[in-house]
Amino acid sequence: MNFSLWWMFTYYFRSVIKWFLRKTTGLCELQRICYGEVAGAPRIKKVESCLYMSKSHQIKQLIQHLNSISDSNGFFGPNYKNVLNGAVKVVLLVKEIDPKIHFQFVKSFEICVKQIWGYRQLIAEVERLRTTSYDSENLEHENKLNNLWMNLKPEEKLEGRITKQWQDIGFQGEDPKTDFRGMGLLGLENLLFFASVHRSAAQHVLSHSYHPKHGYCFAIVGINLTSLAWSLLKEGSAKTYVYNNCINIPSITLFHHFYSYLFYEFDRFWMECRPKNIMEFSNIKNKFENNIRSSLQDSNTDFRIGVTVNYV
């Protein structure tokens, strides 16, 4: 059976199963998911899939509307409550669900809507940072760069704006701004968050970068991992992490935590691999990326930076 025939078979067979379950349980597919699936990624991913596979014209229009609002950074704007309530009402109407009887469904479904389109808005927010170039004439950008140094090297004073000291925290040359070209301001903000919020973990990782045999360029590797985190977010693989760790609204802070976990775990993986030199970076990074992608395929996966660290 070729792919097109198999797709048609499963598509229509799914409709028959849905109809049967609706008749026997009195619940639509969305209700069965919200009542039967574990909160977090297992539930939200299935709700998302169910909505996008809907044949309902009203729900298709709703999805287009929410996508447009999220892409323009307006989902969590001034009209957030109206947008959320409107989305829930459309689904209740189309699925003929009584909110007085199924009030728990309404609560669970609201959370799913917030996470699904909050994630989409997060992509737009992260992309704006990624496409914002580092500007040495911008005082805010310069302050963030200086704060990065102070968090990583608190006991060592920076001699000047352009200095070889930047190489001590893993930049390629005397002026760090040239290293941010690929990931823009996002690369700097990721590094700064890791260095300031997960300070002990960042110091632990930095100490490994000085290893006489297995050392690497801390900042450059960090910017490479920004690229990985961004790719995972944009393609949707990071939904597992976001949906399992977001209490209310997906935010840029949550993305920074995700990045911090990747940096900490990459360093651990790198040291375990015991590379002969930095030329093995691409190969090890690819293996690490495959491991992360594999873990994120399990909707129950939850990433957290270990509390205890052991220095090598």
C-alpha atoms as a PDB file:
ATOM      1  CA  MET A   1       0.000   0.000   0.000  1.00  0.00           C
ATOM      2  CA  ASN A   2       1.573   3.327  -1.046  1.00  0.00           C
ATOM      3  CA  PHE A   3       1.767   6.360   1.231  1.00  0.00           C
ATOM      4  CA  SER A   4      -1.246   8.243  -0.202  1.00  0.00           C
ATOM      5  CA  LEU A   5      -3.554   5.226   0.117  1.00  0.00           C
ATOM      6  CA  TRP A   6      -2.309   4.542   3.639  1.00  0.00           C
ATOM      7  CA  TRP A   7      -2.894   8.172   4.611  1.00  0.00           C
ATOM      8  CA  MET A   8      -6.463   8.086   3.245  1.00  0.00           C
ATOM      9  CA  PHE A   9      -7.152   4.820   5.043  1.00  0.00           C
ATOM     10  CA  THR A  10      -5.894   6.046   8.422  1.00  0.00           C
ATOM     11  CA  TYR A  11      -7.566   9.459   7.982  1.00  0.00           C
ATOM     12  CA  TYR A  12     -11.028   8.047   7.419  1.00  0.00           C
ATOM     13  CA  PHE A  13     -10.539   5.146   9.829  1.00  0.00           C
ATOM     14  CA  ARG A  14      -9.673   7.683  12.528  1.00  0.00           C
ATOM     15  CA  SER A  15     -12.951   9.480  11.825  1.00  0.00           C
ATOM     16  CA  VAL A  16     -14.891   6.254  12.320  1.00  0.00           C
ATOM     17  CA  ILE A  17     -13.129   5.571  15.633  1.00  0.00           C
ATOM     18  CA  LYS A  18     -13.802   9.125  16.818  1.00  0.00           C
ATOM     19  CA  TRP A  19     -17.479   8.820  15.928  1.00  0.00           C
ATOM     20  CA  PHE A  20     -17.742   5.487  17.751  1.00  0.00           C
ATOM     21  CA  LEU A  21     -16.035   6.786  20.897  1.00  0.00           C
ATOM     22  CA  ARG A  22     -18.167   9.929  20.889  1.00  0.00           C
ATOM     23  CA  LYS A  23     -21.304   7.801  20.768  1.00  0.00           C
ATOM     24  CA  THR A  24     -20.187   5.342  23.446  1.00  0.00           C
ATOM     25  CA  THR A  25     -18.532   7.780  25.899  1.00  0.00           C
ATOM     26  CA  GLY A  26     -20.487  10.953  25.234  1.00  0.00           C
ATOM     27  CA  LEU A  27     -17.175  12.822  25.037  1.00  0.00           C
ATOM     28  CA  CYS A  28     -15.409  14.386  22.061  1.00  0.00           C
ATOM     29  CA  GLU A  29     -11.733  13.634  21.382  1.00  0.00           C
ATOM     30  CA  LEU A  30     -10.557  16.849  23.063  1.00  0.00           C
ATOM     31  CA  GLN A  31     -12.457  15.943  26.220  1.00  0.00           C
ATOM     32  CA  ARG A  32     -11.059  12.417  26.253  1.00  0.00           C
ATOM     33  CA  ILE A  33      -7.531  13.828  25.931  1.00  0.00           C
ATOM     34  CA  CYS A  34      -7.967  16.451  28.660  1.00  0.00           C
ATOM     35  CA  TYR A  35      -9.545  13.957  31.042  1.00  0.00           C
ATOM     36  CA  GLY A  36      -7.313  11.002  30.206  1.00  0.00           C
ATOM     37  CA  GLU A  37      -3.818  12.324  29.515  1.00  0.00           C
ATOM     38  CA  VAL A  38      -1.231  13.430  32.065  1.00  0.00           C
ATOM     39  CA  ALA A  39      -0.893  17.207  32.374  1.00  0.00           C
ATOM     40  CA  GLY A  40       2.034  18.795  30.559  1.00  0.00           C
ATOM     41  CA  ALA A  41       3.515  17.707  27.242  1.00  0.00           C
ATOM     42  CA  PRO A  42       1.592  14.387  26.958  1.00  0.00           C
ATOM     43  CA  ARG A  43      -1.747  16.228  27.119  1.00  0.00           C
ATOM     44  CA  ILE A  44      -0.845  19.459  25.317  1.00  0.00           C
ATOM     45  CA  LYS A  45       0.793  17.740  22.334  1.00  0.00           C
ATOM     46  CA  LYS A  46      -2.271  15.573  21.769  1.00  0.00           C
ATOM     47  CA  VAL A  47      -4.644  18.537  22.102  1.00  0.00           C
ATOM     48  CA  GLU A  48      -2.519  20.439  19.591  1.00  0.00           C
ATOM     49  CA  SER A  49      -2.544  17.532  17.151  1.00  0.00           C
ATOM     50  CA  CYS A  50      -6.298  17.100  17.552  1.00  0.00           C
ATOM     51  CA  LEU A  51      -6.982  20.771  16.831  1.00  0.00           C
ATOM     52  CA  TYR A  52      -4.773  20.864  13.744  1.00  0.00           C
ATOM     53  CA  MET A  53      -6.369  17.700  12.360  1.00  0.00           C
ATOM     54  CA  SER A  54      -9.898  19.020  12.852  1.00  0.00           C
ATOM     55  CA  LYS A  55     -12.172  19.142   9.799  1.00  0.00           C
ATOM     56  CA  SER A  56     -14.263  21.905  11.361  1.00  0.00           C
ATOM     57  CA  HIS A  57     -14.166  25.129   9.345  1.00  0.00           C
ATOM     58  CA  GLN A  58     -14.627  27.194  12.530  1.00  0.00           C
ATOM     59  CA  ILE A  59     -11.699  25.532  14.269  1.00  0.00           C
ATOM     60  CA  LYS A  60      -9.490  25.923  11.191  1.00  0.00           C
ATOM     61  CA  GLN A  61     -10.327  29.641  11.165  1.00  0.00           C
ATOM     62  CA  LEU A  62      -9.620  29.829  14.898  1.00  0.00           C
ATOM     63  CA  ILE A  63      -6.185  28.285  14.414  1.00  0.00           C
ATOM     64  CA  GLN A  64      -5.322  30.751  11.643  1.00  0.00           C
ATOM     65  CA  HIS A  65      -6.479  33.629  13.855  1.00  0.00           C
ATOM     66  CA  LEU A  66      -4.430  32.485  16.870  1.00  0.00           C
ATOM     67  CA  ASN A  67      -1.375  31.830  14.695  1.00  0.00           C
ATOM     68  CA  SER A  68      -1.557  35.339  13.280  1.00  0.00           C
ATOM     69  CA  ILE A  69      -1.886  36.923  16.719  1.00  0.00           C
ATOM     70  CA  SER A  70       1.003  34.891  18.158  1.00  0.00           C
ATOM     71  CA  ASP A  71       3.321  35.623  15.234  1.00  0.00           C
ATOM     72  CA  SER A  72       2.775  39.345  15.781  1.00  0.00           C
ATOM     73  CA  ASN A  73       3.537  38.990  19.510  1.00  0.00           C
ATOM     74  CA  GLY A  74      -0.068  39.785  20.445  1.00  0.00           C
ATOM     75  CA  PHE A  75      -1.316  36.599  22.071  1.00  0.00           C
ATOM     76  CA  PHE A  76      -0.268  37.740  25.535  1.00  0.00           C
ATOM     77  CA  GLY A  77      -1.087  41.366  24.792  1.00  0.00           C
ATOM     78  CA  PRO A  78      -3.759  43.675  26.269  1.00  0.00           C
ATOM     79  CA  ASN A  79      -6.592  41.565  24.837  1.00  0.00           C
ATOM     80  CA  TYR A  80      -5.168  38.265  26.096  1.00  0.00           C
ATOM     81  CA  LYS A  81      -8.213  37.322  28.196  1.00  0.00           C
ATOM     82  CA  ASN A  82     -10.607  38.105  25.370  1.00  0.00           C
ATOM     83  CA  VAL A  83      -8.541  36.091  22.893  1.00  0.00           C
ATOM     84  CA  LEU A  84      -8.326  33.101  25.260  1.00  0.00           C
ATOM     85  CA  ASN A  85     -12.003  33.166  26.209  1.00  0.00           C
ATOM     86  CA  GLY A  86     -12.983  33.547  22.558  1.00  0.00           C
ATOM     87  CA  ALA A  87     -10.922  30.525  21.558  1.00  0.00           C
ATOM     88  CA  VAL A  88     -12.470  28.370  24.280  1.00  0.00           C
ATOM     89  CA  LYS A  89     -16.004  29.474  23.353  1.00  0.00           C
ATOM     90  CA  VAL A  90     -15.488  28.501  19.707  1.00  0.00           C
ATOM     91  CA  VAL A  91     -14.410  24.984  20.699  1.00  0.00           C
ATOM     92  CA  LEU A  92     -17.238  24.601  23.224  1.00  0.00           C
ATOM     93  CA  LEU A  93     -19.728  25.624  20.539  1.00  0.00           C
ATOM     94  CA  VAL A  94     -18.313  23.418  17.774  1.00  0.00           C
ATOM     95  CA  LYS A  95     -17.943  20.382  20.051  1.00  0.00           C
ATOM     96  CA  GLU A  96     -21.265  21.016  21.821  1.00  0.00           C
ATOM     97  CA  ILE A  97     -19.695  20.957  25.279  1.00  0.00           C
ATOM     98  CA  ASP A  98     -21.609  22.316  28.278  1.00  0.00           C
ATOM     99  CA  PRO A  99     -19.086  24.372  30.327  1.00  0.00           C
ATOM    100  CA  LYS A 100     -21.254  24.082  33.473  1.00  0.00           C
ATOM    101  CA  ILE A 101     -20.985  20.305  33.411  1.00  0.00           C
ATOM    102  CA  HIS A 102     -17.463  20.063  32.006  1.00  0.00           C
ATOM    103  CA  PHE A 103     -15.855  22.934  33.909  1.00  0.00           C
ATOM    104  CA  GLN A 104     -12.708  20.864  34.493  1.00  0.00           C
ATOM    105  CA  PHE A 105     -12.330  20.427  30.744  1.00  0.00           C
ATOM    106  CA  VAL A 106     -12.550  24.200  30.300  1.00  0.00           C
ATOM    107  CA  LYS A 107      -9.707  24.731  32.801  1.00  0.00           C
ATOM    108  CA  SER A 108      -7.506  22.060  31.226  1.00  0.00           C
ATOM    109  CA  PHE A 109      -8.206  23.210  27.688  1.00  0.00           C
ATOM    110  CA  GLU A 110      -7.440  26.845  28.569  1.00  0.00           C
ATOM    111  CA  ILE A 111      -4.005  25.774  29.808  1.00  0.00           C
ATOM    112  CA  CYS A 112      -3.390  23.890  26.553  1.00  0.00           C
ATOM    113  CA  VAL A 113      -4.357  26.911  24.436  1.00  0.00           C
ATOM    114  CA  LYS A 114      -2.046  29.169  26.478  1.00  0.00           C
ATOM    115  CA  GLN A 115       0.879  26.776  26.059  1.00  0.00           C
ATOM    116  CA  ILE A 116       0.342  26.000  22.364  1.00  0.00           C
ATOM    117  CA  TRP A 117       0.115  29.596  21.210  1.00  0.00           C
ATOM    118  CA  GLY A 118       2.422  30.861  23.913  1.00  0.00           C
ATOM    119  CA  TYR A 119       5.064  28.566  22.428  1.00  0.00           C
ATOM    120  CA  ARG A 120       4.406  29.998  18.990  1.00  0.00           C
ATOM    121  CA  GLN A 121       4.757  33.536  20.350  1.00  0.00           C
ATOM    122  CA  LEU A 122       7.974  32.519  22.115  1.00  0.00           C
ATOM    123  CA  ILE A 123       9.429  31.495  18.740  1.00  0.00           C
ATOM    124  CA  ALA A 124       8.656  34.976  17.406  1.00  0.00           C
ATOM    125  CA  GLU A 125      10.205  36.611  20.475  1.00  0.00           C
ATOM    126  CA  VAL A 126      13.386  34.535  20.301  1.00  0.00           C
ATOM    127  CA  GLU A 127      13.682  35.192  16.566  1.00  0.00           C
ATOM    128  CA  ARG A 128      13.607  38.945  17.148  1.00  0.00           C
ATOM    129  CA  LEU A 129      16.538  38.628  19.539  1.00  0.00           C
ATOM    130  CA  ARG A 130      18.406  36.376  17.118  1.00  0.00           C
ATOM    131  CA  THR A 131      18.044  38.884  14.296  1.00  0.00           C
ATOM    132  CA  THR A 132      19.063  41.844  16.473  1.00  0.00           C
ATOM    133  CA  SER A 133      22.738  42.527  15.806  1.00  0.00           C
ATOM    134  CA  TYR A 134      25.083  43.321  18.657  1.00  0.00           C
ATOM    135  CA  ASP A 135      25.685  47.074  18.601  1.00  0.00           C
ATOM    136  CA  SER A 136      28.778  48.362  20.389  1.00  0.00           C
ATOM    137  CA  GLU A 137      27.223  51.841  20.321  1.00  0.00           C
ATOM    138  CA  ASN A 138      24.212  50.578  22.277  1.00  0.00           C
ATOM    139  CA  LEU A 139      24.832  51.104  25.993  1.00  0.00           C
ATOM    140  CA  GLU A 140      22.405  48.317  26.950  1.00  0.00           C
ATOM    141  CA  HIS A 141      24.273  45.830  24.778  1.00  0.00           C
ATOM    142  CA  GLU A 142      27.610  46.928  26.190  1.00  0.00           C
ATOM    143  CA  ASN A 143      26.362  46.631  29.765  1.00  0.00           C
ATOM    144  CA  LYS A 144      25.213  43.069  29.132  1.00  0.00           C
ATOM    145  CA  LEU A 145      28.614  42.177  27.734  1.00  0.00           C
ATOM    146  CA  ASN A 146      30.354  43.694  30.747  1.00  0.00           C
ATOM    147  CA  ASN A 147      27.982  41.839  33.078  1.00  0.00           C
ATOM    148  CA  LEU A 148      28.912  38.601  31.361  1.00  0.00           C
ATOM    149  CA  TRP A 149      32.552  39.222  32.201  1.00  0.00           C
ATOM    150  CA  MET A 150      31.789  40.217  35.798  1.00  0.00           C
ATOM    151  CA  ASN A 151      29.743  37.058  36.386  1.00  0.00           C
ATOM    152  CA  LEU A 152      32.378  34.763  34.929  1.00  0.00           C
ATOM    153  CA  LYS A 153      35.461  36.636  36.166  1.00  0.00           C
ATOM    154  CA  PRO A 154      34.307  38.524  39.294  1.00  0.00           C
ATOM    155  CA  GLU A 155      37.801  38.815  40.760  1.00  0.00           C
ATOM    156  CA  GLU A 156      39.496  40.043  37.593  1.00  0.00           C
ATOM    157  CA  LYS A 157      39.016  43.575  36.315  1.00  0.00           C
ATOM    158  CA  LEU A 158      38.497  44.057  32.595  1.00  0.00           C
ATOM    159  CA  GLU A 159      41.332  46.199  31.247  1.00  0.00           C
ATOM    160  CA  GLY A 160      39.355  47.702  28.371  1.00  0.00           C
ATOM    161  CA  ARG A 161      36.558  47.247  25.862  1.00  0.00           C
ATOM    162  CA  ILE A 162      38.875  45.620  23.329  1.00  0.00           C
ATOM    163  CA  THR A 163      41.338  43.293  24.995  1.00  0.00           C
ATOM    164  CA  LYS A 164      42.784  39.796  24.779  1.00  0.00           C
ATOM    165  CA  GLN A 165      41.147  39.104  28.134  1.00  0.00           C
ATOM    166  CA  TRP A 166      37.944  38.176  26.290  1.00  0.00           C
ATOM    167  CA  GLN A 167      39.750  35.077  25.077  1.00  0.00           C
ATOM    168  CA  ASP A 168      39.909  33.932  28.718  1.00  0.00           C
ATOM    169  CA  ILE A 169      36.163  33.275  28.606  1.00  0.00           C
ATOM    170  CA  GLY A 170      36.288  31.727  25.166  1.00  0.00           C
ATOM    171  CA  PHE A 171      35.845  34.468  22.589  1.00  0.00           C
ATOM    172  CA  GLN A 172      37.972  34.214  19.448  1.00  0.00           C
ATOM    173  CA  GLY A 173      39.579  37.628  19.429  1.00  0.00           C
ATOM    174  CA  GLU A 174      39.916  40.904  21.271  1.00  0.00           C
ATOM    175  CA  ASP A 175      36.414  42.165  20.393  1.00  0.00           C
ATOM    176  CA  PRO A 176      33.543  39.776  21.314  1.00  0.00           C
ATOM    177  CA  LYS A 177      30.981  41.552  19.117  1.00  0.00           C
ATOM    178  CA  THR A 178      32.324  39.771  16.013  1.00  0.00           C
ATOM    179  CA  ASP A 179      31.403  36.389  17.517  1.00  0.00           C
ATOM    180  CA  PHE A 180      27.735  37.335  17.904  1.00  0.00           C
ATOM    181  CA  ARG A 181      27.124  37.722  14.167  1.00  0.00           C
ATOM    182  CA  GLY A 182      25.471  34.335  13.735  1.00  0.00           C
ATOM    183  CA  MET A 183      23.036  34.401  16.671  1.00  0.00           C
ATOM    184  CA  GLY A 184      22.870  38.133  17.301  1.00  0.00           C
ATOM    185  CA  LEU A 185      21.864  39.421  20.714  1.00  0.00           C
ATOM    186  CA  LEU A 186      20.334  36.040  21.547  1.00  0.00           C
ATOM    187  CA  GLY A 187      23.808  34.518  21.877  1.00  0.00           C
ATOM    188  CA  LEU A 188      24.845  37.146  24.423  1.00  0.00           C
ATOM    189  CA  GLU A 189      21.618  36.941  26.427  1.00  0.00           C
ATOM    190  CA  ASN A 190      21.886  33.143  26.611  1.00  0.00           C
ATOM    191  CA  LEU A 191      25.460  33.325  27.891  1.00  0.00           C
ATOM    192  CA  LEU A 192      24.620  36.063  30.389  1.00  0.00           C
ATOM    193  CA  PHE A 193      21.610  34.168  31.749  1.00  0.00           C
ATOM    194  CA  PHE A 194      23.635  30.992  32.220  1.00  0.00           C
ATOM    195  CA  ALA A 195      26.479  32.888  33.876  1.00  0.00           C
ATOM    196  CA  SER A 196      24.243  34.874  36.244  1.00  0.00           C
ATOM    197  CA  VAL A 197      21.221  32.672  37.039  1.00  0.00           C
ATOM    198  CA  HIS A 198      23.054  29.317  36.990  1.00  0.00           C
ATOM    199  CA  ARG A 199      26.259  30.821  38.260  1.00  0.00           C
ATOM    200  CA  SER A 200      27.766  27.780  40.009  1.00  0.00           C
ATOM    201  CA  ALA A 201      26.989  25.563  37.001  1.00  0.00           C
ATOM    202  CA  ALA A 202      28.496  28.146  34.634  1.00  0.00           C
ATOM    203  CA  GLN A 203      31.663  28.391  36.755  1.00  0.00           C
ATOM    204  CA  HIS A 204      31.848  24.610  36.743  1.00  0.00           C
ATOM    205  CA  VAL A 205      31.596  24.536  32.944  1.00  0.00           C
ATOM    206  CA  LEU A 206      34.092  27.404  32.569  1.00  0.00           C
ATOM    207  CA  SER A 207      36.617  25.497  34.685  1.00  0.00           C
ATOM    208  CA  HIS A 208      36.340  22.563  32.276  1.00  0.00           C
ATOM    209  CA  SER A 209      37.023  24.853  29.324  1.00  0.00           C
ATOM    210  CA  TYR A 210      40.495  25.454  30.814  1.00  0.00           C
ATOM    211  CA  HIS A 211      41.334  21.731  30.888  1.00  0.00           C
ATOM    212  CA  PRO A 212      44.885  21.315  29.478  1.00  0.00           C
ATOM    213  CA  LYS A 213      43.852  18.437  27.212  1.00  0.00           C
ATOM    214  CA  HIS A 214      40.058  18.577  26.804  1.00  0.00           C
ATOM    215  CA  GLY A 215      39.546  22.323  26.990  1.00  0.00           C
ATOM    216  CA  TYR A 216      37.461  24.399  24.583  1.00  0.00           C
ATOM    217  CA  CYS A 217      36.361  27.983  23.937  1.00  0.00           C
ATOM    218  CA  PHE A 218      33.569  28.604  26.450  1.00  0.00           C
ATOM    219  CA  ALA A 219      31.828  31.513  24.690  1.00  0.00           C
ATOM    220  CA  ILE A 220      32.144  30.094  21.169  1.00  0.00           C
ATOM    221  CA  VAL A 221      30.738  26.737  22.263  1.00  0.00           C
ATOM    222  CA  GLY A 222      27.989  28.616  24.086  1.00  0.00           C
ATOM    223  CA  ILE A 223      26.992  30.479  20.933  1.00  0.00           C
ATOM    224  CA  ASN A 224      26.985  27.195  19.003  1.00  0.00           C
ATOM    225  CA  LEU A 225      24.583  25.815  21.600  1.00  0.00           C
ATOM    226  CA  THR A 226      22.386  28.892  21.168  1.00  0.00           C
ATOM    227  CA  SER A 227      22.056  27.814  17.544  1.00  0.00           C
ATOM    228  CA  LEU A 228      21.070  24.307  18.666  1.00  0.00           C
ATOM    229  CA  ALA A 229      18.536  25.588  21.206  1.00  0.00           C
ATOM    230  CA  TRP A 230      17.020  27.877  18.582  1.00  0.00           C
ATOM    231  CA  SER A 231      16.745  25.041  16.047  1.00  0.00           C
ATOM    232  CA  LEU A 232      15.029  22.771  18.570  1.00  0.00           C
ATOM    233  CA  LEU A 233      12.614  25.537  19.517  1.00  0.00           C
ATOM    234  CA  LYS A 234      11.741  26.516  15.951  1.00  0.00           C
ATOM    235  CA  GLU A 235      11.192  22.973  14.675  1.00  0.00           C
ATOM    236  CA  GLY A 236       9.036  22.099  17.692  1.00  0.00           C
ATOM    237  CA  SER A 237      11.283  19.527  19.378  1.00  0.00           C
ATOM    238  CA  ALA A 238      11.608  21.800  22.421  1.00  0.00           C
ATOM    239  CA  LYS A 239       7.847  21.603  23.038  1.00  0.00           C
ATOM    240  CA  THR A 240       8.486  18.661  25.363  1.00  0.00           C
ATOM    241  CA  TYR A 241      10.671  20.835  27.585  1.00  0.00           C
ATOM    242  CA  VAL A 242       8.461  23.935  27.432  1.00  0.00           C
ATOM    243  CA  TYR A 243       5.161  22.137  28.007  1.00  0.00           C
ATOM    244  CA  ASN A 244       6.576  20.160  30.957  1.00  0.00           C
ATOM    245  CA  ASN A 245       8.244  23.124  32.649  1.00  0.00           C
ATOM    246  CA  CYS A 246       5.942  26.065  32.009  1.00  0.00           C
ATOM    247  CA  ILE A 247       3.639  26.890  34.920  1.00  0.00           C
ATOM    248  CA  ASN A 248       1.723  29.662  33.212  1.00  0.00           C
ATOM    249  CA  ILE A 249       2.998  31.395  30.069  1.00  0.00           C
ATOM    250  CA  PRO A 250       6.011  30.311  27.956  1.00  0.00           C
ATOM    251  CA  SER A 251       8.588  33.078  28.222  1.00  0.00           C
ATOM    252  CA  ILE A 252      12.065  33.958  27.061  1.00  0.00           C
ATOM    253  CA  THR A 253      13.259  33.028  30.564  1.00  0.00           C
ATOM    254  CA  LEU A 254      12.147  29.455  29.983  1.00  0.00           C
ATOM    255  CA  PHE A 255      14.125  29.383  26.734  1.00  0.00           C
ATOM    256  CA  HIS A 256      17.205  30.618  28.625  1.00  0.00           C
ATOM    257  CA  HIS A 257      16.762  27.792  31.153  1.00  0.00           C
ATOM    258  CA  PHE A 258      16.534  25.314  28.279  1.00  0.00           C
ATOM    259  CA  TYR A 259      19.750  26.717  26.807  1.00  0.00           C
ATOM    260  CA  SER A 260      21.472  26.557  30.204  1.00  0.00           C
ATOM    261  CA  TYR A 261      20.576  22.897  30.527  1.00  0.00           C
ATOM    262  CA  LEU A 262      21.990  22.189  27.058  1.00  0.00           C
ATOM    263  CA  PHE A 263      25.256  23.967  27.893  1.00  0.00           C
ATOM    264  CA  TYR A 264      25.675  22.173  31.211  1.00  0.00           C
ATOM    265  CA  GLU A 265      24.889  18.764  29.692  1.00  0.00           C
ATOM    266  CA  PHE A 266      27.051  19.345  26.619  1.00  0.00           C
ATOM    267  CA  ASP A 267      30.007  20.096  28.872  1.00  0.00           C
ATOM    268  CA  ARG A 268      29.396  16.865  30.799  1.00  0.00           C
ATOM    269  CA  PHE A 269      29.097  14.899  27.550  1.00  0.00           C
ATOM    270  CA  TRP A 270      32.221  16.550  26.140  1.00  0.00           C
ATOM    271  CA  MET A 271      34.305  15.642  29.178  1.00  0.00           C
ATOM    272  CA  GLU A 272      32.985  12.081  29.133  1.00  0.00           C
ATOM    273  CA  CYS A 273      34.050  11.757  25.470  1.00  0.00           C
ATOM    274  CA  ARG A 274      37.592  12.822  26.368  1.00  0.00           C
ATOM    275  CA  PRO A 275      38.316  14.433  22.965  1.00  0.00           C
ATOM    276  CA  LYS A 276      41.881  14.560  21.764  1.00  0.00           C
ATOM    277  CA  ASN A 277      41.455  18.145  20.590  1.00  0.00           C
ATOM    278  CA  ILE A 278      38.890  20.759  19.543  1.00  0.00           C
ATOM    279  CA  MET A 279      38.803  19.264  16.029  1.00  0.00           C
ATOM    280  CA  GLU A 280      36.417  16.633  17.413  1.00  0.00           C
ATOM    281  CA  PHE A 281      33.853  19.300  18.283  1.00  0.00           C
ATOM    282  CA  SER A 282      31.526  18.781  15.299  1.00  0.00           C
ATOM    283  CA  ASN A 283      31.381  15.030  15.744  1.00  0.00           C
ATOM    284  CA  ILE A 284      30.730  15.231  19.485  1.00  0.00           C
ATOM    285  CA  LYS A 285      28.183  18.004  19.063  1.00  0.00           C
ATOM    286  CA  ASN A 286      26.283  15.912  16.506  1.00  0.00           C
ATOM    287  CA  LYS A 287      26.189  12.949  18.892  1.00  0.00           C
ATOM    288  CA  PHE A 288      25.012  15.209  21.703  1.00  0.00           C
ATOM    289  CA  GLU A 289      22.312  16.729  19.500  1.00  0.00           C
ATOM    290  CA  ASN A 290      21.061  13.268  18.521  1.00  0.00           C
ATOM    291  CA  ASN A 291      20.846  12.309  22.204  1.00  0.00           C
ATOM    292  CA  ILE A 292      18.861  15.438  23.036  1.00  0.00           C
ATOM    293  CA  ARG A 293      16.475  14.957  20.116  1.00  0.00           C
ATOM    294  CA  SER A 294      15.929  11.353  21.139  1.00  0.00           C
ATOM    295  CA  SER A 295      15.133  12.390  24.718  1.00  0.00           C
ATOM    296  CA  LEU A 296      12.720  15.098  23.580  1.00  0.00           C
ATOM    297  CA  GLN A 297      10.716  12.554  21.585  1.00  0.00           C
ATOM    298  CA  ASP A 298       9.490  11.185  24.918  1.00  0.00           C
ATOM    299  CA  SER A 299       6.739  13.547  26.080  1.00  0.00           C
ATOM    300  CA  ASN A 300       7.504  12.695  29.721  1.00  0.00           C
ATOM    301  CA  THR A 301      11.091  13.984  29.497  1.00  0.00           C
ATOM    302  CA  ASP A 302      11.979  16.745  31.943  1.00  0.00           C
ATOM    303  CA  PHE A 303      15.378  18.456  31.781  1.00  0.00           C
ATOM    304  CA  ARG A 304      16.926  20.004  34.875  1.00  0.00           C
ATOM    305  CA  ILE A 305      20.482  21.050  35.686  1.00  0.00           C
ATOM    306  CA  GLY A 306      21.948  18.757  38.353  1.00  0.00           C
ATOM    307  CA  VAL A 307      22.314  20.282  41.808  1.00  0.00           C
ATOM    308  CA  THR A 308      25.625  18.561  42.571  1.00  0.00           C
ATOM    309  CA  VAL A 309      28.615  19.134  40.323  1.00  0.00           C
ATOM    310  CA  ASN A 310      31.977  17.374  40.391  1.00  0.00           C
ATOM    311  CA  TYR A 311      35.017  19.190  39.146  1.00  0.00           C
ATOM    312  CA  VAL A 312      37.402  17.322  36.863  1.00  0.00           C
END
